[in-house]
N, C-alpha and C. Protein backbone atom coordinates (compact mmCIF):
# COMPACT_ATOMS: atom_id res chain seq x y z
N UNK A 1 -23.24 18.45 2.64
CA UNK A 1 -24.00 19.18 3.64
C UNK A 1 -23.51 18.82 5.03
N UNK A 2 -23.17 17.53 5.27
CA UNK A 2 -22.69 17.11 6.59
C UNK A 2 -21.35 17.74 6.90
N UNK A 3 -20.50 17.98 5.87
CA UNK A 3 -19.22 18.65 6.09
C UNK A 3 -19.45 20.09 6.55
N UNK A 4 -20.40 20.77 5.91
CA UNK A 4 -20.71 22.15 6.31
C UNK A 4 -21.26 22.16 7.72
N UNK A 5 -22.13 21.18 8.05
CA UNK A 5 -22.74 21.11 9.38
C UNK A 5 -21.69 20.87 10.46
N UNK A 6 -20.72 20.02 10.17
CA UNK A 6 -19.69 19.71 11.17
C UNK A 6 -18.71 20.86 11.33
N UNK A 7 -18.61 21.76 10.32
CA UNK A 7 -17.68 22.89 10.41
C UNK A 7 -18.26 24.01 11.26
N UNK A 8 -19.55 23.94 11.61
CA UNK A 8 -20.19 25.00 12.38
C UNK A 8 -19.85 24.87 13.86
N UNK A 9 -20.02 25.95 14.55
CA UNK A 9 -19.86 25.98 16.00
C UNK A 9 -20.87 25.01 16.61
N UNK A 10 -20.55 24.33 17.69
CA UNK A 10 -21.49 23.37 18.28
C UNK A 10 -22.83 23.98 18.65
N UNK A 11 -22.85 25.21 19.12
CA UNK A 11 -24.12 25.85 19.48
C UNK A 11 -24.97 26.07 18.24
N UNK A 12 -24.34 26.47 17.14
CA UNK A 12 -25.06 26.68 15.89
C UNK A 12 -25.55 25.34 15.36
N UNK A 13 -24.71 24.28 15.50
CA UNK A 13 -25.14 22.94 15.06
C UNK A 13 -26.40 22.51 15.79
N UNK A 14 -26.46 22.81 17.09
CA UNK A 14 -27.63 22.45 17.88
C UNK A 14 -28.87 23.19 17.37
N UNK A 15 -28.72 24.49 17.10
CA UNK A 15 -29.85 25.28 16.61
C UNK A 15 -30.35 24.78 15.26
N UNK A 16 -29.42 24.43 14.38
CA UNK A 16 -29.80 23.92 13.06
C UNK A 16 -30.55 22.61 13.20
N UNK A 17 -30.06 21.72 14.07
CA UNK A 17 -30.71 20.43 14.28
C UNK A 17 -32.12 20.62 14.84
N UNK A 18 -32.28 21.53 15.81
CA UNK A 18 -33.59 21.78 16.40
C UNK A 18 -34.55 22.41 15.39
N UNK A 19 -34.02 23.26 14.53
CA UNK A 19 -34.88 23.92 13.54
C UNK A 19 -35.40 22.93 12.50
N UNK A 20 -34.65 21.88 12.25
CA UNK A 20 -35.06 20.89 11.25
C UNK A 20 -36.02 19.85 11.82
N UNK A 21 -36.14 19.76 13.12
CA UNK A 21 -36.97 18.74 13.74
C UNK A 21 -38.44 19.10 13.50
N UNK A 22 -39.29 18.14 13.12
CA UNK A 22 -40.71 18.42 12.89
C UNK A 22 -41.39 18.78 14.21
N UNK A 23 -42.36 19.72 14.09
CA UNK A 23 -43.08 20.18 15.27
C UNK A 23 -44.29 19.29 15.48
N UNK A 24 -44.46 18.82 16.69
CA UNK A 24 -45.63 18.00 17.01
C UNK A 24 -46.50 18.78 17.96
N UNK A 25 -47.82 18.76 17.68
CA UNK A 25 -48.77 19.47 18.52
C UNK A 25 -49.69 18.44 19.14
N UNK A 26 -49.92 18.65 20.42
CA UNK A 26 -50.81 17.75 21.14
C UNK A 26 -52.20 17.85 20.51
N UNK A 27 -52.82 16.74 20.20
CA UNK A 27 -54.12 16.71 19.53
C UNK A 27 -55.17 17.41 20.37
N UNK A 28 -55.13 17.27 21.69
CA UNK A 28 -56.12 17.91 22.55
C UNK A 28 -55.97 19.43 22.52
N UNK A 29 -54.71 19.93 22.50
CA UNK A 29 -54.48 21.37 22.44
C UNK A 29 -54.95 21.93 21.10
N UNK A 30 -54.70 21.18 20.04
CA UNK A 30 -55.14 21.61 18.71
C UNK A 30 -56.66 21.71 18.66
N UNK A 31 -57.34 20.75 19.25
CA UNK A 31 -58.81 20.75 19.23
C UNK A 31 -59.36 21.92 20.05
N UNK A 32 -58.73 22.22 21.20
CA UNK A 32 -59.18 23.36 22.01
C UNK A 32 -59.02 24.67 21.24
N UNK A 33 -57.91 24.81 20.54
CA UNK A 33 -57.66 26.02 19.75
C UNK A 33 -58.70 26.18 18.65
N UNK A 34 -59.02 25.09 17.95
CA UNK A 34 -60.03 25.15 16.89
C UNK A 34 -61.41 25.48 17.45
N UNK A 35 -61.75 24.99 18.65
CA UNK A 35 -63.04 25.31 19.26
C UNK A 35 -63.15 26.80 19.55
N UNK A 36 -62.07 27.40 20.04
CA UNK A 36 -62.08 28.84 20.33
C UNK A 36 -62.26 29.63 19.04
N UNK A 37 -61.57 29.24 17.97
CA UNK A 37 -61.68 29.94 16.69
C UNK A 37 -63.10 29.82 16.14
N UNK A 38 -63.70 28.63 16.24
CA UNK A 38 -65.05 28.42 15.74
C UNK A 38 -66.09 29.21 16.53
N UNK A 39 -65.83 29.45 17.80
CA UNK A 39 -66.78 30.16 18.65
C UNK A 39 -66.81 31.66 18.36
N UNK A 40 -65.78 32.19 17.75
CA UNK A 40 -65.74 33.62 17.42
C UNK A 40 -66.81 33.95 16.39
N UNK A 41 -67.53 35.09 16.55
CA UNK A 41 -68.53 35.45 15.54
C UNK A 41 -67.84 35.85 14.23
N UNK A 42 -68.48 35.52 13.14
CA UNK A 42 -67.93 35.87 11.82
C UNK A 42 -68.08 37.38 11.60
N UNK A 43 -67.14 37.98 10.91
CA UNK A 43 -67.26 39.42 10.64
C UNK A 43 -68.45 39.68 9.71
N UNK A 44 -69.16 40.79 9.98
CA UNK A 44 -70.32 41.13 9.15
C UNK A 44 -69.85 41.76 7.85
N UNK A 45 -70.33 41.23 6.76
CA UNK A 45 -69.98 41.77 5.45
C UNK A 45 -71.19 42.33 4.73
N UNK A 46 -72.36 42.29 5.37
CA UNK A 46 -73.57 42.71 4.70
C UNK A 46 -73.92 44.18 4.98
N UNK A 47 -73.03 44.95 5.64
CA UNK A 47 -73.32 46.35 5.92
C UNK A 47 -73.10 47.15 4.64
N UNK A 48 -74.12 47.78 4.11
CA UNK A 48 -73.93 48.58 2.89
C UNK A 48 -73.05 49.79 3.15
N UNK A 49 -72.36 50.21 2.13
CA UNK A 49 -71.45 51.34 2.25
C UNK A 49 -72.22 52.61 2.59
N UNK A 50 -73.41 52.78 2.00
CA UNK A 50 -74.19 53.99 2.25
C UNK A 50 -74.61 54.06 3.71
N UNK A 51 -75.02 52.91 4.27
CA UNK A 51 -75.43 52.89 5.68
C UNK A 51 -74.24 53.25 6.57
N UNK A 52 -73.07 52.78 6.22
CA UNK A 52 -71.89 53.12 7.01
C UNK A 52 -71.57 54.62 6.91
N UNK A 53 -71.73 55.17 5.69
CA UNK A 53 -71.41 56.58 5.50
C UNK A 53 -72.36 57.50 6.25
N UNK A 54 -73.66 57.14 6.29
CA UNK A 54 -74.63 58.02 6.93
C UNK A 54 -74.77 57.77 8.42
N UNK A 55 -74.18 56.71 8.92
CA UNK A 55 -74.29 56.46 10.36
C UNK A 55 -73.47 57.51 11.11
N UNK A 56 -73.99 57.98 12.26
CA UNK A 56 -73.27 59.03 13.00
C UNK A 56 -71.91 58.54 13.49
N UNK A 57 -70.95 59.42 13.41
CA UNK A 57 -69.60 59.13 13.89
C UNK A 57 -69.26 60.17 14.95
N UNK A 58 -68.45 59.77 15.89
CA UNK A 58 -68.03 60.69 16.94
C UNK A 58 -66.54 60.96 16.79
N UNK A 59 -66.18 62.23 16.86
CA UNK A 59 -64.77 62.58 16.89
C UNK A 59 -64.63 63.86 17.69
N UNK A 60 -63.46 64.05 18.19
CA UNK A 60 -63.21 65.22 19.04
C UNK A 60 -62.01 65.98 18.49
N UNK A 61 -62.14 67.31 18.49
CA UNK A 61 -61.04 68.16 18.07
C UNK A 61 -60.51 68.92 19.27
N UNK A 62 -59.23 69.17 19.29
CA UNK A 62 -58.70 70.03 20.35
C UNK A 62 -59.29 71.44 20.22
N UNK A 63 -59.36 72.21 21.28
CA UNK A 63 -59.97 73.54 21.22
C UNK A 63 -59.35 74.45 20.16
N UNK A 64 -58.04 74.41 20.02
CA UNK A 64 -57.38 75.27 19.04
C UNK A 64 -57.78 74.89 17.61
N UNK A 65 -57.89 73.59 17.35
CA UNK A 65 -58.30 73.15 16.02
C UNK A 65 -59.75 73.53 15.75
N UNK A 66 -60.60 73.49 16.77
CA UNK A 66 -61.99 73.90 16.61
C UNK A 66 -62.08 75.37 16.26
N UNK A 67 -61.31 76.20 16.93
CA UNK A 67 -61.31 77.63 16.64
C UNK A 67 -60.80 77.89 15.24
N UNK A 68 -59.73 77.19 14.83
CA UNK A 68 -59.18 77.37 13.49
C UNK A 68 -60.20 76.96 12.42
N UNK A 69 -60.91 75.85 12.64
CA UNK A 69 -61.92 75.42 11.67
C UNK A 69 -63.05 76.43 11.57
N UNK A 70 -63.50 76.96 12.70
CA UNK A 70 -64.57 77.96 12.69
C UNK A 70 -64.12 79.22 11.98
N UNK A 71 -62.89 79.68 12.24
CA UNK A 71 -62.38 80.87 11.56
C UNK A 71 -62.26 80.65 10.07
N UNK A 72 -61.87 79.46 9.66
CA UNK A 72 -61.78 79.15 8.23
C UNK A 72 -63.14 79.19 7.56
N UNK A 73 -64.16 78.66 8.22
CA UNK A 73 -65.51 78.70 7.64
C UNK A 73 -66.04 80.13 7.55
N UNK A 74 -65.77 80.95 8.55
CA UNK A 74 -66.18 82.35 8.50
C UNK A 74 -65.46 83.06 7.36
N UNK A 75 -64.15 82.79 7.21
CA UNK A 75 -63.39 83.41 6.12
C UNK A 75 -63.92 83.02 4.76
N UNK A 76 -64.28 81.76 4.59
CA UNK A 76 -64.85 81.32 3.31
C UNK A 76 -66.15 82.06 3.04
N UNK A 77 -66.98 82.25 4.07
CA UNK A 77 -68.23 82.98 3.89
C UNK A 77 -68.00 84.42 3.51
N UNK A 78 -67.02 85.08 4.14
CA UNK A 78 -66.74 86.49 3.84
C UNK A 78 -66.23 86.64 2.42
N UNK A 79 -65.27 85.80 2.04
CA UNK A 79 -64.71 85.89 0.69
C UNK A 79 -65.77 85.55 -0.35
N UNK A 80 -66.58 84.52 -0.08
CA UNK A 80 -67.64 84.17 -1.02
C UNK A 80 -68.63 85.30 -1.18
N UNK A 81 -69.00 85.95 -0.07
CA UNK A 81 -69.91 87.09 -0.16
C UNK A 81 -69.31 88.24 -0.91
N UNK A 82 -68.03 88.48 -0.73
CA UNK A 82 -67.37 89.55 -1.47
C UNK A 82 -67.36 89.26 -2.96
N UNK A 83 -67.08 88.02 -3.32
CA UNK A 83 -67.03 87.68 -4.74
C UNK A 83 -68.41 87.76 -5.39
N UNK A 84 -69.45 87.43 -4.65
CA UNK A 84 -70.79 87.50 -5.21
C UNK A 84 -71.22 88.94 -5.36
N UNK A 85 -70.88 89.79 -4.40
CA UNK A 85 -71.29 91.20 -4.41
C UNK A 85 -70.07 92.10 -4.63
N UNK A 86 -69.37 91.91 -5.71
CA UNK A 86 -68.15 92.65 -5.97
C UNK A 86 -68.33 94.14 -6.10
N UNK A 87 -69.46 94.58 -6.60
CA UNK A 87 -69.63 96.01 -6.83
C UNK A 87 -69.91 96.77 -5.55
N UNK A 88 -70.00 96.05 -4.42
CA UNK A 88 -70.18 96.71 -3.14
C UNK A 88 -71.63 96.97 -2.78
N UNK A 89 -72.57 96.71 -3.66
CA UNK A 89 -73.98 96.93 -3.36
C UNK A 89 -74.64 95.61 -3.01
N UNK A 90 -75.62 95.69 -2.14
CA UNK A 90 -76.38 94.50 -1.80
C UNK A 90 -77.21 94.09 -3.01
N UNK A 91 -77.55 92.80 -3.14
CA UNK A 91 -78.33 92.35 -4.28
C UNK A 91 -79.66 93.09 -4.42
N UNK A 92 -80.24 93.57 -3.30
CA UNK A 92 -81.52 94.28 -3.39
C UNK A 92 -81.36 95.68 -3.95
N UNK A 93 -80.15 96.25 -3.93
CA UNK A 93 -79.92 97.59 -4.45
C UNK A 93 -79.68 97.62 -5.95
N UNK A 94 -79.46 96.48 -6.56
CA UNK A 94 -79.19 96.44 -8.00
C UNK A 94 -80.46 96.64 -8.79
N UNK A 95 -80.40 97.32 -9.90
CA UNK A 95 -81.59 97.49 -10.72
C UNK A 95 -82.06 96.14 -11.25
N UNK A 96 -83.36 95.91 -11.20
CA UNK A 96 -83.91 94.65 -11.70
C UNK A 96 -83.79 94.59 -13.21
N UNK A 97 -83.42 93.42 -13.72
CA UNK A 97 -83.34 93.21 -15.17
C UNK A 97 -82.13 93.83 -15.81
N UNK A 98 -81.24 94.45 -15.03
CA UNK A 98 -80.06 95.07 -15.61
C UNK A 98 -78.83 94.28 -15.20
N UNK A 99 -77.86 94.26 -16.07
CA UNK A 99 -76.61 93.59 -15.78
C UNK A 99 -75.66 94.63 -15.22
N UNK A 100 -75.10 94.33 -14.06
CA UNK A 100 -74.18 95.27 -13.43
C UNK A 100 -72.78 94.89 -13.85
N UNK A 101 -72.11 95.78 -14.57
CA UNK A 101 -70.73 95.56 -14.99
C UNK A 101 -69.88 96.55 -14.23
N UNK A 102 -69.10 96.07 -13.33
CA UNK A 102 -68.26 96.97 -12.55
C UNK A 102 -66.81 96.65 -12.81
N UNK A 103 -65.97 97.63 -12.61
CA UNK A 103 -64.54 97.42 -12.76
C UNK A 103 -63.92 97.50 -11.39
N UNK A 104 -63.14 96.51 -11.07
CA UNK A 104 -62.48 96.51 -9.78
C UNK A 104 -61.45 97.63 -9.74
N UNK A 105 -61.22 98.20 -8.57
CA UNK A 105 -60.27 99.30 -8.48
C UNK A 105 -58.87 98.93 -8.94
N UNK A 106 -58.48 97.66 -8.75
CA UNK A 106 -57.11 97.28 -9.11
C UNK A 106 -57.00 96.76 -10.53
N UNK A 107 -58.10 96.73 -11.30
CA UNK A 107 -58.01 96.22 -12.66
C UNK A 107 -57.57 97.34 -13.59
N UNK A 108 -56.93 96.96 -14.69
CA UNK A 108 -56.44 97.94 -15.65
C UNK A 108 -57.08 97.67 -17.00
N UNK A 109 -57.41 98.72 -17.71
CA UNK A 109 -58.03 98.52 -19.02
C UNK A 109 -57.02 98.05 -20.04
N UNK A 110 -57.54 97.46 -21.11
CA UNK A 110 -56.68 97.04 -22.21
C UNK A 110 -56.15 98.28 -22.93
N UNK A 111 -55.05 98.09 -23.65
CA UNK A 111 -54.45 99.20 -24.39
C UNK A 111 -54.16 98.78 -25.81
N UNK A 112 -54.33 99.70 -26.74
CA UNK A 112 -54.03 99.45 -28.15
C UNK A 112 -52.53 99.63 -28.35
N UNK A 113 -51.90 98.60 -28.90
CA UNK A 113 -50.45 98.61 -29.13
C UNK A 113 -50.22 98.59 -30.63
N UNK A 114 -49.34 99.46 -31.12
CA UNK A 114 -49.03 99.53 -32.55
C UNK A 114 -47.82 98.66 -32.84
N UNK A 115 -47.98 97.77 -33.83
CA UNK A 115 -46.89 96.91 -34.28
C UNK A 115 -46.45 97.39 -35.66
N UNK A 116 -45.14 97.57 -35.83
CA UNK A 116 -44.60 98.08 -37.11
C UNK A 116 -43.43 97.19 -37.53
N UNK A 117 -43.43 96.80 -38.81
CA UNK A 117 -42.30 96.06 -39.38
C UNK A 117 -41.98 96.67 -40.74
N UNK A 118 -40.71 97.01 -40.95
CA UNK A 118 -40.27 97.51 -42.25
C UNK A 118 -39.90 96.31 -43.09
N UNK A 119 -40.71 96.05 -44.13
CA UNK A 119 -40.49 94.91 -45.02
C UNK A 119 -41.05 95.26 -46.40
N UNK A 120 -40.33 96.12 -47.17
CA UNK A 120 -40.86 96.57 -48.47
C UNK A 120 -40.98 95.43 -49.49
N UNK A 121 -40.21 94.36 -49.32
CA UNK A 121 -40.24 93.25 -50.26
C UNK A 121 -41.40 92.30 -50.02
N UNK A 122 -42.10 92.40 -48.89
CA UNK A 122 -43.17 91.46 -48.53
C UNK A 122 -44.45 91.76 -49.29
N UNK A 123 -45.19 90.70 -49.60
CA UNK A 123 -46.50 90.89 -50.24
C UNK A 123 -47.62 90.90 -49.19
N UNK A 124 -47.37 90.30 -48.02
CA UNK A 124 -48.32 90.40 -46.90
C UNK A 124 -47.58 90.11 -45.59
N UNK A 125 -48.05 90.75 -44.53
CA UNK A 125 -47.45 90.63 -43.21
C UNK A 125 -48.58 90.54 -42.19
N UNK A 126 -48.38 89.71 -41.17
CA UNK A 126 -49.34 89.64 -40.07
C UNK A 126 -48.58 89.49 -38.77
N UNK A 127 -49.30 89.73 -37.69
CA UNK A 127 -48.72 89.60 -36.35
C UNK A 127 -49.36 88.38 -35.69
N UNK A 128 -48.51 87.53 -35.12
CA UNK A 128 -49.01 86.37 -34.38
C UNK A 128 -48.42 86.43 -32.97
N UNK A 129 -49.14 85.87 -32.02
CA UNK A 129 -48.64 85.87 -30.66
C UNK A 129 -49.56 85.13 -29.72
N UNK A 130 -49.20 85.21 -28.43
CA UNK A 130 -50.03 84.52 -27.44
C UNK A 130 -51.39 85.18 -27.29
N UNK A 131 -51.58 86.38 -27.84
CA UNK A 131 -52.85 87.10 -27.75
C UNK A 131 -53.83 86.70 -28.85
N UNK A 132 -53.39 86.02 -29.90
CA UNK A 132 -54.33 85.60 -30.96
C UNK A 132 -54.16 84.12 -31.33
N UNK A 133 -53.58 83.36 -30.42
CA UNK A 133 -53.44 81.92 -30.66
C UNK A 133 -52.44 81.58 -31.76
N UNK A 134 -51.54 82.49 -32.06
CA UNK A 134 -50.52 82.29 -33.08
C UNK A 134 -51.15 82.01 -34.45
N UNK A 135 -52.28 82.65 -34.70
CA UNK A 135 -53.01 82.48 -35.96
C UNK A 135 -52.56 83.55 -36.95
N UNK A 136 -51.92 83.13 -38.05
CA UNK A 136 -51.37 84.07 -39.03
C UNK A 136 -52.45 84.86 -39.75
N UNK A 137 -53.69 84.38 -39.76
CA UNK A 137 -54.76 85.09 -40.44
C UNK A 137 -55.52 86.03 -39.50
N UNK A 138 -55.27 85.97 -38.21
CA UNK A 138 -56.07 86.73 -37.24
C UNK A 138 -55.76 88.22 -37.23
N UNK A 139 -54.50 88.61 -37.42
CA UNK A 139 -54.12 90.02 -37.28
C UNK A 139 -53.24 90.45 -38.45
N UNK A 140 -53.85 90.74 -39.61
CA UNK A 140 -53.04 91.18 -40.75
C UNK A 140 -52.60 92.64 -40.57
N UNK A 141 -51.45 92.95 -41.12
CA UNK A 141 -50.92 94.32 -41.08
C UNK A 141 -51.21 95.00 -42.41
N UNK A 142 -51.24 96.34 -42.39
CA UNK A 142 -51.51 97.13 -43.60
C UNK A 142 -50.20 97.71 -44.13
N UNK A 143 -50.03 97.63 -45.45
CA UNK A 143 -48.82 98.20 -46.08
C UNK A 143 -48.93 99.72 -46.07
N UNK A 144 -47.82 100.37 -45.70
CA UNK A 144 -47.74 101.83 -45.69
C UNK A 144 -46.90 102.30 -46.89
N UNK A 145 -47.06 103.54 -47.32
CA UNK A 145 -46.31 104.03 -48.50
C UNK A 145 -44.79 103.94 -48.35
N UNK A 146 -44.29 103.99 -47.12
CA UNK A 146 -42.83 103.94 -46.94
C UNK A 146 -42.27 102.52 -46.93
N UNK A 147 -43.12 101.49 -47.19
CA UNK A 147 -42.66 100.11 -47.21
C UNK A 147 -42.80 99.39 -45.88
N UNK A 148 -43.31 100.08 -44.88
CA UNK A 148 -43.52 99.42 -43.58
C UNK A 148 -44.93 98.85 -43.52
N UNK A 149 -45.12 97.95 -42.56
CA UNK A 149 -46.42 97.31 -42.32
C UNK A 149 -46.83 97.62 -40.90
N UNK A 150 -48.08 98.05 -40.70
CA UNK A 150 -48.54 98.41 -39.35
C UNK A 150 -49.89 97.78 -39.05
N UNK A 151 -50.09 97.54 -37.77
CA UNK A 151 -51.39 97.09 -37.27
C UNK A 151 -51.48 97.43 -35.80
N UNK A 152 -52.70 97.55 -35.30
CA UNK A 152 -52.94 97.81 -33.89
C UNK A 152 -53.61 96.59 -33.27
N UNK A 153 -53.17 96.23 -32.08
CA UNK A 153 -53.75 95.10 -31.34
C UNK A 153 -54.07 95.58 -29.93
N UNK A 154 -55.29 95.30 -29.48
CA UNK A 154 -55.68 95.65 -28.11
C UNK A 154 -55.22 94.53 -27.18
N UNK A 155 -54.38 94.88 -26.21
CA UNK A 155 -53.79 93.88 -25.31
C UNK A 155 -54.07 94.22 -23.86
N UNK A 156 -54.24 93.17 -23.08
CA UNK A 156 -54.38 93.31 -21.63
C UNK A 156 -53.01 93.64 -21.04
N UNK A 157 -52.98 94.30 -19.88
CA UNK A 157 -51.69 94.55 -19.24
C UNK A 157 -50.97 93.24 -18.94
N UNK A 158 -49.67 93.25 -19.16
CA UNK A 158 -48.86 92.07 -18.90
C UNK A 158 -47.81 91.88 -19.98
N UNK A 159 -47.15 90.75 -19.95
CA UNK A 159 -46.09 90.41 -20.90
C UNK A 159 -46.66 89.53 -21.99
N UNK A 160 -46.40 89.91 -23.25
CA UNK A 160 -46.92 89.16 -24.39
C UNK A 160 -45.76 88.82 -25.34
N UNK A 161 -45.79 87.62 -25.86
CA UNK A 161 -44.77 87.15 -26.81
C UNK A 161 -45.41 87.17 -28.19
N UNK A 162 -44.67 87.68 -29.19
CA UNK A 162 -45.24 87.79 -30.53
C UNK A 162 -44.14 87.68 -31.58
N UNK A 163 -44.57 87.62 -32.83
CA UNK A 163 -43.66 87.59 -33.97
C UNK A 163 -44.42 88.08 -35.19
N UNK A 164 -43.68 88.47 -36.22
CA UNK A 164 -44.29 88.83 -37.51
C UNK A 164 -44.20 87.61 -38.43
N UNK A 165 -45.19 87.47 -39.30
CA UNK A 165 -45.15 86.41 -40.32
C UNK A 165 -45.19 87.10 -41.68
N UNK A 166 -44.15 86.87 -42.48
CA UNK A 166 -44.05 87.46 -43.81
C UNK A 166 -44.48 86.44 -44.84
N UNK A 167 -45.41 86.84 -45.70
CA UNK A 167 -45.93 86.02 -46.79
C UNK A 167 -46.44 84.66 -46.29
N UNK A 168 -46.96 84.62 -45.09
CA UNK A 168 -47.58 83.42 -44.54
C UNK A 168 -46.64 82.30 -44.17
N UNK A 169 -45.31 82.50 -44.31
CA UNK A 169 -44.40 81.38 -44.07
C UNK A 169 -43.19 81.74 -43.23
N UNK A 170 -42.70 82.95 -43.31
CA UNK A 170 -41.44 83.32 -42.66
C UNK A 170 -41.70 84.08 -41.36
N UNK A 171 -41.27 83.49 -40.24
CA UNK A 171 -41.42 84.13 -38.94
C UNK A 171 -40.23 85.04 -38.71
N UNK A 172 -40.52 86.29 -38.32
CA UNK A 172 -39.47 87.28 -38.12
C UNK A 172 -39.70 87.97 -36.78
N UNK A 173 -38.67 88.06 -35.97
CA UNK A 173 -38.77 88.79 -34.70
C UNK A 173 -38.76 90.28 -34.99
N UNK A 174 -39.36 91.06 -34.11
CA UNK A 174 -39.40 92.51 -34.25
C UNK A 174 -38.01 93.06 -33.92
N UNK A 175 -37.35 93.71 -34.88
CA UNK A 175 -36.00 94.22 -34.61
C UNK A 175 -35.98 95.37 -33.60
N UNK A 176 -37.12 95.96 -33.32
CA UNK A 176 -37.19 97.09 -32.39
C UNK A 176 -37.62 96.68 -30.98
N UNK A 177 -37.78 95.37 -30.75
CA UNK A 177 -38.29 94.92 -29.44
C UNK A 177 -37.34 93.91 -28.82
N UNK A 178 -37.44 93.70 -27.50
CA UNK A 178 -36.61 92.68 -26.85
C UNK A 178 -36.97 91.28 -27.38
N UNK A 179 -35.98 90.41 -27.36
CA UNK A 179 -36.17 89.05 -27.87
C UNK A 179 -36.49 88.11 -26.71
N UNK A 180 -37.47 87.25 -26.93
CA UNK A 180 -37.82 86.23 -25.95
C UNK A 180 -36.92 85.02 -26.16
N UNK A 181 -36.84 84.12 -25.17
CA UNK A 181 -36.06 82.89 -25.37
C UNK A 181 -36.61 82.07 -26.54
N UNK A 182 -35.79 81.17 -27.05
CA UNK A 182 -36.18 80.30 -28.15
C UNK A 182 -37.49 79.59 -27.81
N UNK A 183 -38.40 79.51 -28.77
CA UNK A 183 -39.73 78.93 -28.51
C UNK A 183 -39.75 77.41 -28.60
N UNK A 184 -38.61 76.78 -28.82
CA UNK A 184 -38.57 75.33 -28.92
C UNK A 184 -38.71 74.83 -30.35
N UNK A 185 -39.03 75.72 -31.27
CA UNK A 185 -39.16 75.36 -32.69
C UNK A 185 -38.08 76.04 -33.53
N UNK A 186 -37.08 76.61 -32.86
CA UNK A 186 -35.99 77.25 -33.58
C UNK A 186 -36.26 78.70 -33.92
N UNK A 187 -37.36 79.29 -33.42
CA UNK A 187 -37.69 80.69 -33.70
C UNK A 187 -37.39 81.54 -32.48
N UNK A 188 -36.96 82.77 -32.73
CA UNK A 188 -36.78 83.74 -31.66
C UNK A 188 -37.93 84.73 -31.78
N UNK A 189 -38.77 84.82 -30.79
CA UNK A 189 -39.90 85.73 -30.79
C UNK A 189 -39.55 87.01 -30.07
N UNK A 190 -40.45 87.98 -30.15
CA UNK A 190 -40.25 89.26 -29.48
C UNK A 190 -41.19 89.36 -28.29
N UNK A 191 -40.90 90.34 -27.42
CA UNK A 191 -41.69 90.53 -26.22
C UNK A 191 -42.17 91.97 -26.17
N UNK A 192 -43.45 92.14 -25.80
CA UNK A 192 -43.98 93.48 -25.52
C UNK A 192 -44.61 93.43 -24.14
N UNK A 193 -44.30 94.43 -23.33
CA UNK A 193 -44.87 94.52 -21.99
C UNK A 193 -45.87 95.67 -21.98
N UNK A 194 -47.12 95.34 -21.69
CA UNK A 194 -48.19 96.34 -21.64
C UNK A 194 -48.38 96.72 -20.19
N UNK A 195 -48.19 98.01 -19.90
CA UNK A 195 -48.30 98.47 -18.53
C UNK A 195 -49.74 98.84 -18.23
N UNK A 196 -50.11 98.71 -16.95
CA UNK A 196 -51.45 99.07 -16.52
C UNK A 196 -51.61 100.58 -16.44
N UNK A 197 -52.82 101.02 -16.12
CA UNK A 197 -53.12 102.45 -16.08
C UNK A 197 -52.35 103.18 -14.99
N UNK A 198 -52.05 102.48 -13.88
CA UNK A 198 -51.37 103.13 -12.76
C UNK A 198 -49.87 103.14 -12.91
N UNK A 199 -49.30 102.35 -13.89
CA UNK A 199 -47.85 102.30 -14.00
C UNK A 199 -47.32 103.29 -14.99
């Protein structure tokens, strides 16, 4: 260690020597410091959280932020009122004891879609998809005299992924429909797009 110390620059040697020297504090100065610390009041820890939460607080917002907050509250009230009174009538105009079922102007009704699979060798066929929870028993198809299987499913407007299930075990994509990407289980499903009333 002394060899390393002697190899250092003299200024660095001085700093190292001073850093290793023990610090001595005047006993009178130490006592004065402790008196000041003891005189400080202890922090209060007995304030309940609820009392702190309900105590009034003061804060100030810039004028622009105040206007923006007020506009946001008015907007929430307008949208909330619209959602509560969607049919456009005031609550006092509604018939008492009757349920008002209204259709929004931009909503589209469901449509019946026909699914057909030619599979004369099958003993049973069903349609599974995102519209029936992929349940093979939910939507069975009927055998037709020409060997095809048909069923109708009422679907909401939008894109739906589906497949046929032959004999409860074999998943088959619809050869007449577009193919969806692989479902992660090695199956290729089909896609049907149900258009709304205005499209």
